[in-house]
């Protein structure tokens, strides 16, 4: 397996891409409200991308038609924005978004409650966000890939949730998806050693019920098999000598 280690100059460029992703996700999160369509969110994302001098990472990628992956409730990831899909109070809106800037990619996702959501939904979102933070904390040189997945898995499973095993995080850089894969489950101390210069997109996808998913007839949207809620958070993280640096989060 060939893992591309990034130089400090390359990480600086990825820091710029990550900042743009974060700023646009902030604006999209503000726009999430009952009655808004996922199509309107995608249109806003595309407008902001070009305003900031970037390019969409997802639109046209393997034929995906939009700039934003907009997944609602039991949709885990890769939901296609639609003029017919209006958000309602109580929904969980998954915003998965990326850009290309000066040749490098940034990728991030967050789950946004729409209006007032159930305590069950709140608990799922909280645990998934915490799981990502737990994973980031172990991303130091000398630790191993299994430590990342174990941090996610151990945090959510003890709370009665499940992690999606057929989808994973990934390396990122001049390509949206690079080696290695970053599973959301694993054993401590297993897998390849983490090294300075690695840049990884870590993205826990956590379900209220079964971990099993299926793809809808649009060939993109992944949904939970039992149609129970799912939550998703993602950051692009650089591993440095000083520890993990989250490139898609405000400093």
C-alpha atoms as a PDB file:
ATOM      1  CA  UNK A   1       0.000   0.000   0.000  1.00  0.00           C
ATOM      2  CA  UNK A   2       1.402   3.371  -1.028  1.00  0.00           C
ATOM      3  CA  UNK A   3       0.700   6.149   1.492  1.00  0.00           C
ATOM      4  CA  UNK A   4       1.525   9.665   0.362  1.00  0.00           C
ATOM      5  CA  UNK A   5       3.072  11.763   3.122  1.00  0.00           C
ATOM      6  CA  UNK A   6       2.443  15.484   2.765  1.00  0.00           C
ATOM      7  CA  UNK A   7       5.087  18.158   3.198  1.00  0.00           C
ATOM      8  CA  UNK A   8       4.558  21.193   5.402  1.00  0.00           C
ATOM      9  CA  UNK A   9       3.887  23.289   2.295  1.00  0.00           C
ATOM     10  CA  UNK A  10       1.272  20.809   1.083  1.00  0.00           C
ATOM     11  CA  UNK A  11      -0.394  20.733   4.490  1.00  0.00           C
ATOM     12  CA  UNK A  12      -0.501  24.530   4.394  1.00  0.00           C
ATOM     13  CA  UNK A  13      -2.451  24.341   1.120  1.00  0.00           C
ATOM     14  CA  UNK A  14      -4.762  21.715   2.606  1.00  0.00           C
ATOM     15  CA  UNK A  15      -5.268  24.013   5.590  1.00  0.00           C
ATOM     16  CA  UNK A  16      -6.630  26.626   3.168  1.00  0.00           C
ATOM     17  CA  UNK A  17      -8.943  24.061   1.539  1.00  0.00           C
ATOM     18  CA  UNK A  18     -10.126  22.932   4.948  1.00  0.00           C
ATOM     19  CA  UNK A  19     -10.843  26.482   6.056  1.00  0.00           C
ATOM     20  CA  UNK A  20     -13.049  27.026   3.005  1.00  0.00           C
ATOM     21  CA  UNK A  21     -14.929  23.792   3.701  1.00  0.00           C
ATOM     22  CA  UNK A  22     -15.505  24.843   7.304  1.00  0.00           C
ATOM     23  CA  UNK A  23     -16.690  28.324   6.385  1.00  0.00           C
ATOM     24  CA  UNK A  24     -19.176  27.005   3.824  1.00  0.00           C
ATOM     25  CA  UNK A  25     -20.481  24.324   6.179  1.00  0.00           C
ATOM     26  CA  UNK A  26     -21.052  27.058   8.770  1.00  0.00           C
ATOM     27  CA  UNK A  27     -23.225  28.908   6.273  1.00  0.00           C
ATOM     28  CA  UNK A  28     -25.080  25.764   5.260  1.00  0.00           C
ATOM     29  CA  UNK A  29     -25.762  24.915   8.891  1.00  0.00           C
ATOM     30  CA  UNK A  30     -27.280  28.366   9.420  1.00  0.00           C
ATOM     31  CA  UNK A  31     -29.537  27.780   6.399  1.00  0.00           C
ATOM     32  CA  UNK A  32     -30.911  24.461   7.679  1.00  0.00           C
ATOM     33  CA  UNK A  33     -34.521  25.041   8.772  1.00  0.00           C
ATOM     34  CA  UNK A  34     -37.975  23.512   8.408  1.00  0.00           C
ATOM     35  CA  UNK A  35     -39.302  24.056   4.872  1.00  0.00           C
ATOM     36  CA  UNK A  36     -35.892  24.411   3.233  1.00  0.00           C
ATOM     37  CA  UNK A  37     -35.192  21.902   0.452  1.00  0.00           C
ATOM     38  CA  UNK A  38     -31.967  19.980   0.149  1.00  0.00           C
ATOM     39  CA  UNK A  39     -31.752  21.394  -3.390  1.00  0.00           C
ATOM     40  CA  UNK A  40     -31.621  24.928  -1.960  1.00  0.00           C
ATOM     41  CA  UNK A  41     -28.778  23.903   0.342  1.00  0.00           C
ATOM     42  CA  UNK A  42     -26.838  22.497  -2.604  1.00  0.00           C
ATOM     43  CA  UNK A  43     -27.396  25.688  -4.629  1.00  0.00           C
ATOM     44  CA  UNK A  44     -26.082  27.762  -1.713  1.00  0.00           C
ATOM     45  CA  UNK A  45     -23.030  25.494  -1.404  1.00  0.00           C
ATOM     46  CA  UNK A  46     -22.190  25.864  -5.099  1.00  0.00           C
ATOM     47  CA  UNK A  47     -22.568  29.644  -4.978  1.00  0.00           C
ATOM     48  CA  UNK A  48     -20.210  29.884  -1.996  1.00  0.00           C
ATOM     49  CA  UNK A  49     -17.651  27.529  -3.524  1.00  0.00           C
ATOM     50  CA  UNK A  50     -17.072  29.755  -6.538  1.00  0.00           C
ATOM     51  CA  UNK A  51     -17.267  32.918  -4.454  1.00  0.00           C
ATOM     52  CA  UNK A  52     -14.273  31.633  -2.489  1.00  0.00           C
ATOM     53  CA  UNK A  53     -12.314  30.708  -5.591  1.00  0.00           C
ATOM     54  CA  UNK A  54     -12.565  26.963  -5.076  1.00  0.00           C
ATOM     55  CA  UNK A  55     -14.087  24.080  -7.034  1.00  0.00           C
ATOM     56  CA  UNK A  56     -16.593  21.450  -5.910  1.00  0.00           C
ATOM     57  CA  UNK A  57     -15.038  18.174  -4.798  1.00  0.00           C
ATOM     58  CA  UNK A  58     -18.133  16.020  -5.241  1.00  0.00           C
ATOM     59  CA  UNK A  59     -19.946  17.335  -8.330  1.00  0.00           C
ATOM     60  CA  UNK A  60     -19.070  15.036 -11.215  1.00  0.00           C
ATOM     61  CA  UNK A  61     -17.079  12.679  -8.978  1.00  0.00           C
ATOM     62  CA  UNK A  62     -17.911   9.215 -10.331  1.00  0.00           C
ATOM     63  CA  UNK A  63     -21.044  10.823 -11.770  1.00  0.00           C
ATOM     64  CA  UNK A  64     -22.403  12.378  -8.567  1.00  0.00           C
ATOM     65  CA  UNK A  65     -24.670  15.234  -9.731  1.00  0.00           C
ATOM     66  CA  UNK A  66     -24.334  17.794  -6.908  1.00  0.00           C
ATOM     67  CA  UNK A  67     -21.860  19.715  -4.749  1.00  0.00           C
ATOM     68  CA  UNK A  68     -23.361  18.552  -1.452  1.00  0.00           C
ATOM     69  CA  UNK A  69     -24.224  15.126  -0.113  1.00  0.00           C
ATOM     70  CA  UNK A  70     -27.509  15.807   1.711  1.00  0.00           C
ATOM     71  CA  UNK A  71     -28.718  12.828   3.742  1.00  0.00           C
ATOM     72  CA  UNK A  72     -31.762  12.983   6.015  1.00  0.00           C
ATOM     73  CA  UNK A  73     -32.678  10.794   8.989  1.00  0.00           C
ATOM     74  CA  UNK A  74     -32.129   7.107   8.038  1.00  0.00           C
ATOM     75  CA  UNK A  75     -30.035   8.148   5.028  1.00  0.00           C
ATOM     76  CA  UNK A  76     -26.452   7.573   6.146  1.00  0.00           C
ATOM     77  CA  UNK A  77     -24.419   9.233   3.371  1.00  0.00           C
ATOM     78  CA  UNK A  78     -24.427  10.207  -0.317  1.00  0.00           C
ATOM     79  CA  UNK A  79     -27.968  11.572  -0.373  1.00  0.00           C
ATOM     80  CA  UNK A  80     -28.691  13.468  -3.600  1.00  0.00           C
ATOM     81  CA  UNK A  81     -30.201  16.951  -3.087  1.00  0.00           C
ATOM     82  CA  UNK A  82     -33.758  17.261  -4.373  1.00  0.00           C
ATOM     83  CA  UNK A  83     -36.293  20.018  -4.961  1.00  0.00           C
ATOM     84  CA  UNK A  84     -38.912  17.659  -3.524  1.00  0.00           C
ATOM     85  CA  UNK A  85     -37.100  16.996  -0.241  1.00  0.00           C
ATOM     86  CA  UNK A  86     -38.236  19.620   2.268  1.00  0.00           C
ATOM     87  CA  UNK A  87     -36.797  19.520   5.756  1.00  0.00           C
ATOM     88  CA  UNK A  88     -39.183  19.219   8.691  1.00  0.00           C
ATOM     89  CA  UNK A  89     -38.752  19.892  12.388  1.00  0.00           C
ATOM     90  CA  UNK A  90     -37.317  16.794  14.045  1.00  0.00           C
ATOM     91  CA  UNK A  91     -35.181  15.735  11.073  1.00  0.00           C
ATOM     92  CA  UNK A  92     -31.461  15.030  11.228  1.00  0.00           C
ATOM     93  CA  UNK A  93     -29.725  16.702   8.271  1.00  0.00           C
ATOM     94  CA  UNK A  94     -26.331  15.250   7.315  1.00  0.00           C
ATOM     95  CA  UNK A  95     -24.196  17.773   5.409  1.00  0.00           C
ATOM     96  CA  UNK A  96     -21.201  16.098   3.741  1.00  0.00           C
ATOM     97  CA  UNK A  97     -19.145  18.542   1.721  1.00  0.00           C
ATOM     98  CA  UNK A  98     -15.780  19.089   0.098  1.00  0.00           C
ATOM     99  CA  UNK A  99     -13.828  21.451  -2.140  1.00  0.00           C
ATOM    100  CA  UNK A 100     -10.704  21.491  -4.267  1.00  0.00           C
ATOM    101  CA  UNK A 101      -8.482  24.503  -3.719  1.00  0.00           C
ATOM    102  CA  UNK A 102      -5.139  25.025  -5.474  1.00  0.00           C
ATOM    103  CA  UNK A 103      -4.988  21.324  -6.280  1.00  0.00           C
ATOM    104  CA  UNK A 104      -5.799  19.941  -2.830  1.00  0.00           C
ATOM    105  CA  UNK A 105      -8.978  18.576  -1.306  1.00  0.00           C
ATOM    106  CA  UNK A 106     -10.776  19.319   1.938  1.00  0.00           C
ATOM    107  CA  UNK A 107     -13.618  17.116   3.181  1.00  0.00           C
ATOM    108  CA  UNK A 108     -15.880  17.411   6.211  1.00  0.00           C
ATOM    109  CA  UNK A 109     -19.349  16.486   7.417  1.00  0.00           C
ATOM    110  CA  UNK A 110     -21.660  17.373  10.247  1.00  0.00           C
ATOM    111  CA  UNK A 111     -25.125  16.369  11.429  1.00  0.00           C
ATOM    112  CA  UNK A 112     -27.502  19.271  12.013  1.00  0.00           C
ATOM    113  CA  UNK A 113     -30.762  18.883  13.957  1.00  0.00           C
ATOM    114  CA  UNK A 114     -33.692  20.565  12.207  1.00  0.00           C
ATOM    115  CA  UNK A 115     -35.793  22.482  14.724  1.00  0.00           C
ATOM    116  CA  UNK A 116     -36.532  20.473  17.853  1.00  0.00           C
ATOM    117  CA  UNK A 117     -35.464  16.834  17.622  1.00  0.00           C
ATOM    118  CA  UNK A 118     -36.191  13.893  19.905  1.00  0.00           C
ATOM    119  CA  UNK A 119     -33.959  13.055  22.885  1.00  0.00           C
ATOM    120  CA  UNK A 120     -33.125   9.842  21.023  1.00  0.00           C
ATOM    121  CA  UNK A 121     -31.823  11.841  18.057  1.00  0.00           C
ATOM    122  CA  UNK A 122     -29.941  14.266  20.320  1.00  0.00           C
ATOM    123  CA  UNK A 123     -28.176  11.379  22.030  1.00  0.00           C
ATOM    124  CA  UNK A 124     -27.114   9.843  18.730  1.00  0.00           C
ATOM    125  CA  UNK A 125     -25.714  13.133  17.411  1.00  0.00           C
ATOM    126  CA  UNK A 126     -23.839  13.807  20.657  1.00  0.00           C
ATOM    127  CA  UNK A 127     -22.273  10.349  20.752  1.00  0.00           C
ATOM    128  CA  UNK A 128     -21.182  10.531  17.094  1.00  0.00           C
ATOM    129  CA  UNK A 129     -19.589  13.962  17.521  1.00  0.00           C
ATOM    130  CA  UNK A 130     -17.803  12.756  20.654  1.00  0.00           C
ATOM    131  CA  UNK A 131     -16.609   9.621  18.839  1.00  0.00           C
ATOM    132  CA  UNK A 132     -14.903  11.735  16.181  1.00  0.00           C
ATOM    133  CA  UNK A 133     -13.187  13.803  18.848  1.00  0.00           C
ATOM    134  CA  UNK A 134     -12.046  10.616  20.611  1.00  0.00           C
ATOM    135  CA  UNK A 135     -10.601   9.377  17.310  1.00  0.00           C
ATOM    136  CA  UNK A 136      -8.776  12.645  16.662  1.00  0.00           C
ATOM    137  CA  UNK A 137      -7.197  12.506  20.127  1.00  0.00           C
ATOM    138  CA  UNK A 138      -5.372   9.239  19.353  1.00  0.00           C
ATOM    139  CA  UNK A 139      -4.032  10.410  15.982  1.00  0.00           C
ATOM    140  CA  UNK A 140      -0.455  10.909  17.136  1.00  0.00           C
ATOM    141  CA  UNK A 141       2.742   9.548  15.563  1.00  0.00           C
ATOM    142  CA  UNK A 142       3.458   6.019  16.754  1.00  0.00           C
ATOM    143  CA  UNK A 143      -0.152   5.041  17.349  1.00  0.00           C
ATOM    144  CA  UNK A 144      -1.814   2.734  14.856  1.00  0.00           C
ATOM    145  CA  UNK A 145      -4.773   2.777  12.496  1.00  0.00           C
ATOM    146  CA  UNK A 146      -6.696   0.387  14.716  1.00  0.00           C
ATOM    147  CA  UNK A 147      -6.534   2.931  17.532  1.00  0.00           C
ATOM    148  CA  UNK A 148      -8.664   5.335  15.459  1.00  0.00           C
ATOM    149  CA  UNK A 149     -11.388   2.799  14.752  1.00  0.00           C
ATOM    150  CA  UNK A 150     -11.306   1.475  18.299  1.00  0.00           C
ATOM    151  CA  UNK A 151     -11.808   4.976  19.688  1.00  0.00           C
ATOM    152  CA  UNK A 152     -14.979   5.372  17.611  1.00  0.00           C
ATOM    153  CA  UNK A 153     -16.323   1.870  18.109  1.00  0.00           C
ATOM    154  CA  UNK A 154     -15.747   1.674  21.860  1.00  0.00           C
ATOM    155  CA  UNK A 155     -17.364   5.064  22.458  1.00  0.00           C
ATOM    156  CA  UNK A 156     -20.587   4.395  20.591  1.00  0.00           C
ATOM    157  CA  UNK A 157     -21.168   0.697  21.137  1.00  0.00           C
ATOM    158  CA  UNK A 158     -21.161   0.981  24.917  1.00  0.00           C
ATOM    159  CA  UNK A 159     -24.021   3.458  24.462  1.00  0.00           C
ATOM    160  CA  UNK A 160     -26.044   0.983  22.418  1.00  0.00           C
ATOM    161  CA  UNK A 161     -25.290   2.382  18.945  1.00  0.00           C
ATOM    162  CA  UNK A 162     -23.614   0.667  15.991  1.00  0.00           C
ATOM    163  CA  UNK A 163     -20.951   1.778  13.514  1.00  0.00           C
ATOM    164  CA  UNK A 164     -21.319   1.273   9.780  1.00  0.00           C
ATOM    165  CA  UNK A 165     -18.655  -1.232   8.733  1.00  0.00           C
ATOM    166  CA  UNK A 166     -19.021  -1.127   4.953  1.00  0.00           C
ATOM    167  CA  UNK A 167     -18.084   2.563   4.735  1.00  0.00           C
ATOM    168  CA  UNK A 168     -14.931   4.175   6.056  1.00  0.00           C
ATOM    169  CA  UNK A 169     -12.767   7.238   6.189  1.00  0.00           C
ATOM    170  CA  UNK A 170      -9.811   7.657   3.843  1.00  0.00           C
ATOM    171  CA  UNK A 171      -6.582   9.344   3.022  1.00  0.00           C
ATOM    172  CA  UNK A 172      -6.942  12.675   1.244  1.00  0.00           C
ATOM    173  CA  UNK A 173      -4.701  15.112  -0.613  1.00  0.00           C
ATOM    174  CA  UNK A 174      -4.417  15.737  -4.342  1.00  0.00           C
ATOM    175  CA  UNK A 175      -7.204  13.169  -4.681  1.00  0.00           C
ATOM    176  CA  UNK A 176     -10.449  13.034  -2.734  1.00  0.00           C
ATOM    177  CA  UNK A 177      -9.930   9.391  -1.810  1.00  0.00           C
ATOM    178  CA  UNK A 178      -6.404   8.154  -1.214  1.00  0.00           C
ATOM    179  CA  UNK A 179      -4.945   5.253   0.725  1.00  0.00           C
ATOM    180  CA  UNK A 180      -5.326   4.218   3.474  1.00  0.00           C
ATOM    181  CA  UNK A 181      -8.897   3.345   4.372  1.00  0.00           C
ATOM    182  CA  UNK A 182      -9.802   4.433   7.909  1.00  0.00           C
ATOM    183  CA  UNK A 183     -12.432   2.081   9.387  1.00  0.00           C
ATOM    184  CA  UNK A 184     -14.673   3.186  12.243  1.00  0.00           C
ATOM    185  CA  UNK A 185     -13.939  -0.005  14.159  1.00  0.00           C
ATOM    186  CA  UNK A 186     -10.754  -1.825  15.112  1.00  0.00           C
ATOM    187  CA  UNK A 187      -8.434  -3.182  17.749  1.00  0.00           C
ATOM    188  CA  UNK A 188      -6.054  -1.045  19.734  1.00  0.00           C
ATOM    189  CA  UNK A 189      -2.465  -1.417  18.595  1.00  0.00           C
ATOM    190  CA  UNK A 190      -3.376  -3.010  15.264  1.00  0.00           C
ATOM    191  CA  UNK A 191      -2.810  -1.853  11.690  1.00  0.00           C
ATOM    192  CA  UNK A 192      -0.263   0.476  10.152  1.00  0.00           C
ATOM    193  CA  UNK A 193       1.662   2.946  12.253  1.00  0.00           C
ATOM    194  CA  UNK A 194       0.580   6.597  12.071  1.00  0.00           C
ATOM    195  CA  UNK A 195       3.308   8.880  10.739  1.00  0.00           C
ATOM    196  CA  UNK A 196       3.800  12.644  10.442  1.00  0.00           C
ATOM    197  CA  UNK A 197       2.647  13.818   7.020  1.00  0.00           C
ATOM    198  CA  UNK A 198      -0.362  11.525   6.849  1.00  0.00           C
ATOM    199  CA  UNK A 199      -3.598  13.403   6.160  1.00  0.00           C
ATOM    200  CA  UNK A 200      -6.763  11.442   6.853  1.00  0.00           C
ATOM    201  CA  UNK A 201     -10.475  12.098   6.557  1.00  0.00           C
ATOM    202  CA  UNK A 202     -12.010  10.412   9.593  1.00  0.00           C
ATOM    203  CA  UNK A 203     -15.782  10.065   9.480  1.00  0.00           C
ATOM    204  CA  UNK A 204     -17.798   8.096  12.022  1.00  0.00           C
ATOM    205  CA  UNK A 205     -21.172   6.967  10.663  1.00  0.00           C
ATOM    206  CA  UNK A 206     -23.213   5.794  13.629  1.00  0.00           C
ATOM    207  CA  UNK A 207     -26.644   4.171  13.601  1.00  0.00           C
ATOM    208  CA  UNK A 208     -29.401   4.004  16.176  1.00  0.00           C
ATOM    209  CA  UNK A 209     -30.145   0.401  15.250  1.00  0.00           C
ATOM    210  CA  UNK A 210     -28.403  -2.109  13.009  1.00  0.00           C
ATOM    211  CA  UNK A 211     -25.037  -1.361  11.454  1.00  0.00           C
ATOM    212  CA  UNK A 212     -26.237  -2.756   8.131  1.00  0.00           C
ATOM    213  CA  UNK A 213     -26.957  -0.430   5.216  1.00  0.00           C
ATOM    214  CA  UNK A 214     -28.189  -0.698   1.639  1.00  0.00           C
ATOM    215  CA  UNK A 215     -28.028   1.496  -1.463  1.00  0.00           C
ATOM    216  CA  UNK A 216     -31.222   2.951  -2.921  1.00  0.00           C
ATOM    217  CA  UNK A 217     -32.193   2.729  -6.596  1.00  0.00           C
ATOM    218  CA  UNK A 218     -30.455   6.053  -7.327  1.00  0.00           C
ATOM    219  CA  UNK A 219     -27.185   4.073  -6.907  1.00  0.00           C
ATOM    220  CA  UNK A 220     -25.881   6.634  -4.401  1.00  0.00           C
ATOM    221  CA  UNK A 221     -27.958   7.051  -1.249  1.00  0.00           C
ATOM    222  CA  UNK A 222     -26.908   4.666   1.534  1.00  0.00           C
ATOM    223  CA  UNK A 223     -29.665   4.036   4.096  1.00  0.00           C
ATOM    224  CA  UNK A 224     -29.901   2.019   7.292  1.00  0.00           C
ATOM    225  CA  UNK A 225     -31.402  -1.409   6.658  1.00  0.00           C
ATOM    226  CA  UNK A 226     -33.900  -0.986   9.511  1.00  0.00           C
ATOM    227  CA  UNK A 227     -34.626   2.644   8.529  1.00  0.00           C
ATOM    228  CA  UNK A 228     -33.614   3.921  11.955  1.00  0.00           C
ATOM    229  CA  UNK A 229     -31.694   7.182  12.394  1.00  0.00           C
ATOM    230  CA  UNK A 230     -28.048   7.635  11.487  1.00  0.00           C
ATOM    231  CA  UNK A 231     -25.557  10.420  12.303  1.00  0.00           C
ATOM    232  CA  UNK A 232     -22.329  11.407  10.544  1.00  0.00           C
ATOM    233  CA  UNK A 233     -19.412  13.683  11.411  1.00  0.00           C
ATOM    234  CA  UNK A 234     -16.132  14.075   9.535  1.00  0.00           C
ATOM    235  CA  UNK A 235     -12.933  16.103   9.662  1.00  0.00           C
ATOM    236  CA  UNK A 236      -9.767  16.228   7.587  1.00  0.00           C
ATOM    237  CA  UNK A 237      -6.840  15.776   9.971  1.00  0.00           C
ATOM    238  CA  UNK A 238      -3.095  16.117   9.451  1.00  0.00           C
ATOM    239  CA  UNK A 239      -0.812  14.047  11.646  1.00  0.00           C
ATOM    240  CA  UNK A 240       2.160  16.155  12.721  1.00  0.00           C
ATOM    241  CA  UNK A 241       5.090  15.727  15.095  1.00  0.00           C
ATOM    242  CA  UNK A 242       3.156  17.894  17.553  1.00  0.00           C
ATOM    243  CA  UNK A 243      -0.019  15.793  17.245  1.00  0.00           C
ATOM    244  CA  UNK A 244      -3.205  15.938  15.182  1.00  0.00           C
ATOM    245  CA  UNK A 245      -4.182  19.155  13.418  1.00  0.00           C
ATOM    246  CA  UNK A 246      -7.825  19.393  12.341  1.00  0.00           C
ATOM    247  CA  UNK A 247      -7.793  21.214   9.012  1.00  0.00           C
ATOM    248  CA  UNK A 248     -11.571  21.554   8.673  1.00  0.00           C
ATOM    249  CA  UNK A 249     -12.308  23.133  12.047  1.00  0.00           C
ATOM    250  CA  UNK A 250     -12.064  26.767  13.046  1.00  0.00           C
ATOM    251  CA  UNK A 251      -8.890  27.407  15.021  1.00  0.00           C
END
